[in-house]
């Protein structure tokens, strides 16, 4: 039952509109996985064109395990005080995946 981990970066290119945006990252391990946990290791988010005050910043991590693979869905959102996701934003999220392998 070895404990193992991997880290990865999920990039979010500049986008506007409905948010939060979701992107998947896949982490493959040498043997099947008994249990997995994901953690936010770091992030960098900003508005693409303008310097605006932040109102809402949101990053959510969800994961599923299938045999020897962990799929991490990262949901990412940023908006100002207008109440809409109408300004383009971009960034990245660093994820750590910790597993207990068989």
C-alpha atoms as a PDB file:
ATOM      1  CA  UNK A   1       0.000   0.000   0.000  1.00  0.00           C
ATOM      2  CA  UNK A   2       2.384   2.741  -1.134  1.00  0.00           C
ATOM      3  CA  UNK A   3       1.470   6.372  -0.793  1.00  0.00           C
ATOM      4  CA  UNK A   4       2.262   8.322  -3.962  1.00  0.00           C
ATOM      5  CA  UNK A   5       1.650  11.832  -5.272  1.00  0.00           C
ATOM      6  CA  UNK A   6       1.806  13.926  -8.432  1.00  0.00           C
ATOM      7  CA  UNK A   7       1.428  17.626  -9.105  1.00  0.00           C
ATOM      8  CA  UNK A   8       0.136  19.340 -12.212  1.00  0.00           C
ATOM      9  CA  UNK A   9      -0.916  22.704 -13.585  1.00  0.00           C
ATOM     10  CA  UNK A  10      -4.296  23.386 -15.168  1.00  0.00           C
ATOM     11  CA  UNK A  11      -4.201  26.411 -17.493  1.00  0.00           C
ATOM     12  CA  UNK A  12      -7.217  28.628 -18.113  1.00  0.00           C
ATOM     13  CA  UNK A  13      -6.840  30.761 -21.243  1.00  0.00           C
ATOM     14  CA  UNK A  14      -8.597  34.125 -21.384  1.00  0.00           C
ATOM     15  CA  UNK A  15     -12.366  33.693 -21.493  1.00  0.00           C
ATOM     16  CA  UNK A  16     -15.556  35.552 -20.612  1.00  0.00           C
ATOM     17  CA  UNK A  17     -19.192  34.642 -20.191  1.00  0.00           C
ATOM     18  CA  UNK A  18     -20.834  31.878 -18.210  1.00  0.00           C
ATOM     19  CA  UNK A  19     -18.663  30.835 -15.298  1.00  0.00           C
ATOM     20  CA  UNK A  20     -17.232  28.980 -13.521  1.00  0.00           C
ATOM     21  CA  UNK A  21     -15.238  27.364 -16.302  1.00  0.00           C
ATOM     22  CA  UNK A  22     -14.226  23.735 -15.893  1.00  0.00           C
ATOM     23  CA  UNK A  23     -11.170  21.907 -17.171  1.00  0.00           C
ATOM     24  CA  UNK A  24      -9.968  18.368 -16.537  1.00  0.00           C
ATOM     25  CA  UNK A  25      -6.516  17.072 -15.663  1.00  0.00           C
ATOM     26  CA  UNK A  26      -5.622  13.374 -15.642  1.00  0.00           C
ATOM     27  CA  UNK A  27      -3.056  11.792 -13.331  1.00  0.00           C
ATOM     28  CA  UNK A  28      -1.943   8.216 -14.105  1.00  0.00           C
ATOM     29  CA  UNK A  29      -0.203   6.036 -11.494  1.00  0.00           C
ATOM     30  CA  UNK A  30       1.645   2.722 -11.923  1.00  0.00           C
ATOM     31  CA  UNK A  31      -0.929   0.578 -10.068  1.00  0.00           C
ATOM     32  CA  UNK A  32      -4.603   0.741  -9.160  1.00  0.00           C
ATOM     33  CA  UNK A  33      -5.665   3.313  -6.591  1.00  0.00           C
ATOM     34  CA  UNK A  34      -7.425   2.496  -3.325  1.00  0.00           C
ATOM     35  CA  UNK A  35      -8.043   6.098  -2.227  1.00  0.00           C
ATOM     36  CA  UNK A  36      -7.206   9.559  -3.547  1.00  0.00           C
ATOM     37  CA  UNK A  37      -7.295  13.128  -2.296  1.00  0.00           C
ATOM     38  CA  UNK A  38      -6.661  16.347  -4.208  1.00  0.00           C
ATOM     39  CA  UNK A  39      -5.343  19.631  -2.870  1.00  0.00           C
ATOM     40  CA  UNK A  40      -4.964  23.135  -4.201  1.00  0.00           C
ATOM     41  CA  UNK A  41      -1.232  23.789  -4.317  1.00  0.00           C
ATOM     42  CA  UNK A  42      -1.343  27.301  -5.752  1.00  0.00           C
ATOM     43  CA  UNK A  43      -3.019  29.549  -8.300  1.00  0.00           C
ATOM     44  CA  UNK A  44      -2.694  32.782 -10.247  1.00  0.00           C
ATOM     45  CA  UNK A  45      -5.804  34.512 -11.591  1.00  0.00           C
ATOM     46  CA  UNK A  46      -6.298  37.944 -13.133  1.00  0.00           C
ATOM     47  CA  UNK A  47      -8.505  39.955 -15.424  1.00  0.00           C
ATOM     48  CA  UNK A  48      -7.073  39.816 -18.942  1.00  0.00           C
ATOM     49  CA  UNK A  49      -7.214  43.450 -20.059  1.00  0.00           C
ATOM     50  CA  UNK A  50      -8.157  45.698 -17.182  1.00  0.00           C
ATOM     51  CA  UNK A  51      -7.117  46.166 -13.605  1.00  0.00           C
ATOM     52  CA  UNK A  52     -10.409  45.728 -11.736  1.00  0.00           C
ATOM     53  CA  UNK A  53     -11.297  45.102  -8.107  1.00  0.00           C
ATOM     54  CA  UNK A  54     -12.159  41.485  -7.376  1.00  0.00           C
ATOM     55  CA  UNK A  55     -15.599  40.678  -6.039  1.00  0.00           C
ATOM     56  CA  UNK A  56     -15.722  36.896  -6.378  1.00  0.00           C
ATOM     57  CA  UNK A  57     -12.832  34.470  -6.792  1.00  0.00           C
ATOM     58  CA  UNK A  58     -13.724  30.815  -6.900  1.00  0.00           C
ATOM     59  CA  UNK A  59     -11.681  27.643  -7.395  1.00  0.00           C
ATOM     60  CA  UNK A  60     -13.199  24.195  -6.806  1.00  0.00           C
ATOM     61  CA  UNK A  61     -11.584  20.788  -7.184  1.00  0.00           C
ATOM     62  CA  UNK A  62     -13.528  17.557  -7.697  1.00  0.00           C
ATOM     63  CA  UNK A  63     -12.028  14.180  -8.492  1.00  0.00           C
ATOM     64  CA  UNK A  64     -12.935  10.667  -9.568  1.00  0.00           C
ATOM     65  CA  UNK A  65     -10.818   7.521  -9.505  1.00  0.00           C
ATOM     66  CA  UNK A  66     -10.866   4.774 -12.120  1.00  0.00           C
ATOM     67  CA  UNK A  67      -8.374   1.952 -11.618  1.00  0.00           C
ATOM     68  CA  UNK A  68      -4.958   3.673 -11.821  1.00  0.00           C
ATOM     69  CA  UNK A  69      -6.134   7.125 -12.939  1.00  0.00           C
ATOM     70  CA  UNK A  70      -7.396  10.186 -11.078  1.00  0.00           C
ATOM     71  CA  UNK A  71      -9.469  12.679 -13.048  1.00  0.00           C
ATOM     72  CA  UNK A  72      -9.455  16.134 -11.439  1.00  0.00           C
ATOM     73  CA  UNK A  73     -12.049  18.664 -12.571  1.00  0.00           C
ATOM     74  CA  UNK A  74     -10.984  22.214 -11.740  1.00  0.00           C
ATOM     75  CA  UNK A  75     -13.695  24.893 -11.774  1.00  0.00           C
ATOM     76  CA  UNK A  76     -12.485  28.474 -11.948  1.00  0.00           C
ATOM     77  CA  UNK A  77     -14.313  31.836 -11.784  1.00  0.00           C
ATOM     78  CA  UNK A  78     -13.463  35.507 -11.330  1.00  0.00           C
ATOM     79  CA  UNK A  79     -15.725  38.550 -11.463  1.00  0.00           C
ATOM     80  CA  UNK A  80     -15.881  42.188 -10.408  1.00  0.00           C
ATOM     81  CA  UNK A  81     -18.687  44.060  -8.619  1.00  0.00           C
ATOM     82  CA  UNK A  82     -20.910  44.304 -11.732  1.00  0.00           C
ATOM     83  CA  UNK A  83     -22.466  40.963 -10.772  1.00  0.00           C
ATOM     84  CA  UNK A  84     -21.764  39.410 -14.180  1.00  0.00           C
ATOM     85  CA  UNK A  85     -18.947  37.311 -15.616  1.00  0.00           C
ATOM     86  CA  UNK A  86     -18.613  39.805 -18.478  1.00  0.00           C
ATOM     87  CA  UNK A  87     -14.887  40.630 -18.207  1.00  0.00           C
ATOM     88  CA  UNK A  88     -12.324  38.230 -19.658  1.00  0.00           C
ATOM     89  CA  UNK A  89     -10.114  36.522 -17.092  1.00  0.00           C
ATOM     90  CA  UNK A  90      -7.339  33.945 -17.164  1.00  0.00           C
ATOM     91  CA  UNK A  91      -4.878  32.077 -14.972  1.00  0.00           C
ATOM     92  CA  UNK A  92      -3.728  28.720 -13.736  1.00  0.00           C
ATOM     93  CA  UNK A  93      -4.358  26.345 -10.848  1.00  0.00           C
ATOM     94  CA  UNK A  94      -1.708  23.993  -9.442  1.00  0.00           C
ATOM     95  CA  UNK A  95      -3.101  20.713  -8.129  1.00  0.00           C
ATOM     96  CA  UNK A  96      -1.542  18.023  -5.922  1.00  0.00           C
ATOM     97  CA  UNK A  97      -2.954  14.485  -6.093  1.00  0.00           C
ATOM     98  CA  UNK A  98      -2.155  12.127  -3.206  1.00  0.00           C
ATOM     99  CA  UNK A  99      -3.057   8.467  -3.563  1.00  0.00           C
ATOM    100  CA  UNK A 100      -2.933   5.207  -1.665  1.00  0.00           C
ATOM    101  CA  UNK A 101      -2.069   2.587  -4.306  1.00  0.00           C
ATOM    102  CA  UNK A 102      -2.659  -1.153  -4.219  1.00  0.00           C
END
